[in-house]
């Protein structure tokens, strides 16, 4: 299976496996480590509620079921367990824990797929936009053109890897490079010497363009 398809499948699975509704857990809600911490807290909460369930706490129901129309008798008293609600809480916390675990795994798999050729020690390093010959605005961002002889494929691979690394850590400022904002995309341009950096968030476009130009290191005798 091609790596591009694998990455798409990882993200698609993450979006569909973390629950629905207002309490749905999404991978980008927090870092992978924070998702792991939340899963541990939810699992501990489930254990505590499980302790509060007593299968021997069954007592007669205080509510006598009404008889049917024209009935001269009431149905026998039913019984209920006042601690059964704890089992529902157990299920809820366990489901939430699993959702956080899946979210953490999705972020970790995404980083592993994008950083396949990069050892962990190199993933935190900021990829350099160098040597750049020009930067042009395109829809949603910029097109960065590099000098002849540049291994653009290697530059792109490093950029995508660092983005995945930063995403798995919730884009924390202390580890994420300035250019790597949430929701941006990197792809090879039609020009084999260029990479396009774009965002689907219209409010980010101006900032993305500014940061791209700030991060670029221009080749000599080039025009911006």
Protein backbone atom coordinates (compact mmCIF):
# COMPACT_ATOMS: atom_id res chain seq x y z
CA UNK A 1 0.00 0.00 0.00
CA UNK A 2 1.49 3.42 -0.94
CA UNK A 3 2.56 5.59 2.01
CA UNK A 4 0.23 8.43 0.95
CA UNK A 5 -2.77 6.11 1.06
CA UNK A 6 -1.63 4.70 4.40
CA UNK A 7 -1.48 8.19 5.93
CA UNK A 8 -4.95 9.04 4.63
CA UNK A 9 -6.34 5.80 6.09
CA UNK A 10 -4.75 6.56 9.47
CA UNK A 11 -6.40 9.96 9.63
CA UNK A 12 -9.74 8.67 8.38
CA UNK A 13 -9.79 5.95 11.02
CA UNK A 14 -8.98 8.48 13.70
CA UNK A 15 -11.89 10.65 12.66
CA UNK A 16 -14.43 7.82 12.78
CA UNK A 17 -13.30 5.84 15.82
CA UNK A 18 -13.29 8.42 18.58
CA UNK A 19 -16.99 8.75 19.22
CA UNK A 20 -19.62 11.27 18.25
CA UNK A 21 -21.56 14.03 19.92
CA UNK A 22 -20.42 16.92 22.03
CA UNK A 23 -18.03 14.73 24.04
CA UNK A 24 -16.38 13.12 21.00
CA UNK A 25 -12.61 12.82 21.36
CA UNK A 26 -10.54 14.03 18.41
CA UNK A 27 -6.80 13.45 17.90
CA UNK A 28 -6.06 17.17 17.56
CA UNK A 29 -7.77 18.04 20.85
CA UNK A 30 -4.43 17.54 22.61
CA UNK A 31 -1.05 15.84 22.31
CA UNK A 32 -0.61 12.07 22.17
CA UNK A 33 0.89 12.13 25.68
CA UNK A 34 -2.06 14.12 27.00
CA UNK A 35 -4.47 11.66 25.41
CA UNK A 36 -2.61 8.86 27.22
CA UNK A 37 -2.93 10.74 30.52
CA UNK A 38 -6.66 11.29 29.97
CA UNK A 39 -7.10 7.60 29.15
CA UNK A 40 -5.39 6.67 32.40
CA UNK A 41 -7.61 9.06 34.39
CA UNK A 42 -10.76 7.71 32.74
CA UNK A 43 -9.69 4.12 33.40
CA UNK A 44 -9.09 4.93 37.06
CA UNK A 45 -12.52 6.58 37.29
CA UNK A 46 -14.06 3.42 35.81
CA UNK A 47 -12.30 1.30 38.43
CA UNK A 48 -13.62 3.48 41.22
CA UNK A 49 -17.20 3.25 39.99
CA UNK A 50 -16.82 -0.52 39.60
CA UNK A 51 -15.90 -0.71 43.29
CA UNK A 52 -19.11 1.14 44.17
CA UNK A 53 -21.29 -1.45 42.48
CA UNK A 54 -22.67 -4.10 44.85
CA UNK A 55 -24.42 -7.02 43.14
CA UNK A 56 -25.99 -7.96 46.51
CA UNK A 57 -27.60 -4.58 47.06
CA UNK A 58 -30.90 -5.63 45.43
CA UNK A 59 -33.95 -4.36 47.35
CA UNK A 60 -37.72 -4.26 46.70
CA UNK A 61 -38.73 -1.43 44.42
CA UNK A 62 -40.51 1.41 46.25
CA UNK A 63 -42.83 1.73 43.26
CA UNK A 64 -45.67 -0.78 42.96
CA UNK A 65 -46.47 -1.37 39.28
CA UNK A 66 -50.04 -0.45 38.41
CA UNK A 67 -52.46 -3.17 37.31
CA UNK A 68 -53.98 -3.22 33.86
CA UNK A 69 -57.43 -1.82 33.05
CA UNK A 70 -60.10 -3.56 35.13
CA UNK A 71 -57.51 -5.51 37.05
CA UNK A 72 -58.31 -6.38 40.64
CA UNK A 73 -54.69 -6.97 41.54
CA UNK A 74 -51.29 -5.33 41.25
CA UNK A 75 -48.29 -7.07 39.79
CA UNK A 76 -45.85 -8.42 42.39
CA UNK A 77 -43.31 -6.01 43.73
CA UNK A 78 -40.28 -5.75 41.46
CA UNK A 79 -36.75 -5.49 42.74
CA UNK A 80 -33.94 -3.19 41.76
CA UNK A 81 -30.31 -2.58 42.64
CA UNK A 82 -29.64 1.03 43.68
CA UNK A 83 -25.96 0.65 42.75
CA UNK A 84 -26.61 -0.41 39.13
CA UNK A 85 -26.06 3.17 37.99
CA UNK A 86 -22.40 2.67 38.78
CA UNK A 87 -22.15 0.13 35.97
CA UNK A 88 -23.32 2.71 33.46
CA UNK A 89 -20.68 5.11 34.73
CA UNK A 90 -18.09 2.34 34.36
CA UNK A 91 -19.07 1.84 30.71
CA UNK A 92 -18.98 5.59 30.03
CA UNK A 93 -15.51 6.07 31.52
CA UNK A 94 -14.13 2.99 29.80
CA UNK A 95 -15.49 4.16 26.44
CA UNK A 96 -13.93 7.58 26.96
CA UNK A 97 -10.61 5.98 27.92
CA UNK A 98 -10.66 3.89 24.73
CA UNK A 99 -11.43 6.98 22.66
CA UNK A 100 -8.40 8.79 24.10
CA UNK A 101 -6.23 5.74 23.53
CA UNK A 102 -7.33 5.58 19.87
CA UNK A 103 -6.64 9.29 19.44
CA UNK A 104 -3.13 8.91 20.85
CA UNK A 105 -2.50 5.91 18.60
CA UNK A 106 -3.71 7.86 15.55
CA UNK A 107 -1.25 10.70 16.23
CA UNK A 108 1.58 8.26 16.86
CA UNK A 109 0.85 6.26 13.70
CA UNK A 110 0.69 9.46 11.65
CA UNK A 111 4.09 10.54 12.94
CA UNK A 112 5.54 7.07 12.35
CA UNK A 113 4.23 7.02 8.77
CA UNK A 114 5.45 10.53 7.90
CA UNK A 115 8.79 10.10 9.67
CA UNK A 116 9.53 6.62 8.35
CA UNK A 117 13.01 7.61 7.17
CA UNK A 118 13.83 9.96 10.06
CA UNK A 119 15.23 8.78 13.42
CA UNK A 120 13.46 10.27 16.47
CA UNK A 121 16.42 12.53 17.29
CA UNK A 122 16.10 14.36 13.95
CA UNK A 123 12.34 14.91 13.95
CA UNK A 124 12.41 17.94 16.23
CA UNK A 125 14.90 19.81 14.03
CA UNK A 126 13.30 22.64 12.07
CA UNK A 127 13.50 21.96 8.31
CA UNK A 128 15.21 24.86 6.57
CA UNK A 129 13.75 26.61 3.54
CA UNK A 130 17.13 26.82 1.84
CA UNK A 131 18.38 27.71 -0.72
CA UNK A 132 15.27 29.57 -1.93
CA UNK A 133 15.17 31.49 -5.19
CA UNK A 134 11.66 32.95 -4.90
CA UNK A 135 8.38 32.73 -3.02
CA UNK A 136 5.09 33.35 -4.81
CA UNK A 137 1.62 33.62 -3.34
CA UNK A 138 -0.84 30.91 -4.39
CA UNK A 139 -4.38 30.17 -3.30
CA UNK A 140 -4.28 29.46 0.42
CA UNK A 141 -0.55 30.04 0.88
CA UNK A 142 2.76 30.13 -0.99
CA UNK A 143 4.88 28.35 -3.54
CA UNK A 144 8.52 28.12 -2.47
CA UNK A 145 11.02 27.59 -5.28
CA UNK A 146 14.48 26.22 -4.52
CA UNK A 147 17.78 26.58 -6.32
CA UNK A 148 18.73 24.05 -8.96
CA UNK A 149 20.31 20.94 -7.50
CA UNK A 150 18.25 21.03 -4.29
CA UNK A 151 16.85 17.68 -3.14
CA UNK A 152 13.31 19.02 -2.99
CA UNK A 153 11.94 15.57 -2.21
CA UNK A 154 14.14 15.39 0.88
CA UNK A 155 13.12 18.91 1.97
CA UNK A 156 9.44 18.02 1.55
CA UNK A 157 9.81 14.74 3.45
CA UNK A 158 11.51 16.55 6.36
CA UNK A 159 8.80 19.23 6.41
CA UNK A 160 6.02 16.66 6.51
CA UNK A 161 7.83 14.72 9.22
CA UNK A 162 8.29 17.77 11.43
CA UNK A 163 4.64 18.69 10.98
CA UNK A 164 3.59 15.21 12.13
CA UNK A 165 6.04 15.46 15.05
CA UNK A 166 4.59 18.83 16.08
CA UNK A 167 1.01 17.64 15.62
CA UNK A 168 1.58 14.67 17.94
CA UNK A 169 2.67 17.21 20.57
CA UNK A 170 -0.23 19.62 20.04
CA UNK A 171 2.05 22.15 18.31
CA UNK A 172 3.62 23.16 21.62
CA UNK A 173 5.65 26.33 21.12
CA UNK A 174 8.76 24.89 22.74
CA UNK A 175 9.05 22.10 20.16
CA UNK A 176 7.26 23.35 17.03
CA UNK A 177 8.97 25.59 14.48
CA UNK A 178 7.25 28.94 13.72
CA UNK A 179 6.13 27.91 10.22
CA UNK A 180 4.36 24.79 11.44
CA UNK A 181 0.86 25.91 12.29
CA UNK A 182 -2.10 23.62 12.87
CA UNK A 183 -3.93 22.63 9.69
CA UNK A 184 -1.33 23.49 7.04
CA UNK A 185 -0.39 21.21 4.16
CA UNK A 186 2.82 20.61 2.22
CA UNK A 187 2.93 19.21 -1.30
CA UNK A 188 5.17 19.01 -4.34
CA UNK A 189 4.34 21.72 -6.85
CA UNK A 190 3.98 21.11 -10.59
CA UNK A 191 7.42 22.70 -10.73
CA UNK A 192 9.84 19.96 -9.56
CA UNK A 193 11.94 22.60 -7.78
CA UNK A 194 9.02 24.01 -5.76
CA UNK A 195 6.92 23.11 -2.74
CA UNK A 196 3.49 24.55 -1.98
CA UNK A 197 2.60 25.33 1.61
CA UNK A 198 -1.11 26.02 2.07
CA UNK A 199 -3.94 26.12 4.59
CA UNK A 200 -7.67 25.67 4.29
CA UNK A 201 -8.20 28.28 7.02
CA UNK A 202 -8.64 31.66 5.38
CA UNK A 203 -7.69 33.38 8.62
CA UNK A 204 -4.25 31.74 8.58
CA UNK A 205 -3.20 32.60 5.03
CA UNK A 206 -1.59 35.97 5.72
CA UNK A 207 0.31 34.60 8.74
CA UNK A 208 1.44 31.54 6.76
CA UNK A 209 2.79 33.73 3.96
CA UNK A 210 4.59 36.01 6.40
CA UNK A 211 6.19 33.13 8.32
CA UNK A 212 7.28 31.41 5.12
CA UNK A 213 9.17 34.49 4.01
CA UNK A 214 10.67 34.97 7.45
CA UNK A 215 11.96 31.39 7.53
CA UNK A 216 13.37 31.35 4.00
CA UNK A 217 17.10 31.58 3.34
CA UNK A 218 17.63 32.95 -0.15
CA UNK A 219 20.27 31.84 -2.58
CA UNK A 220 22.65 34.50 -3.83
CA UNK A 221 21.64 36.74 -6.75
CA UNK A 222 18.00 35.72 -6.40
CA UNK A 223 14.90 37.85 -6.62
CA UNK A 224 12.09 37.66 -4.12
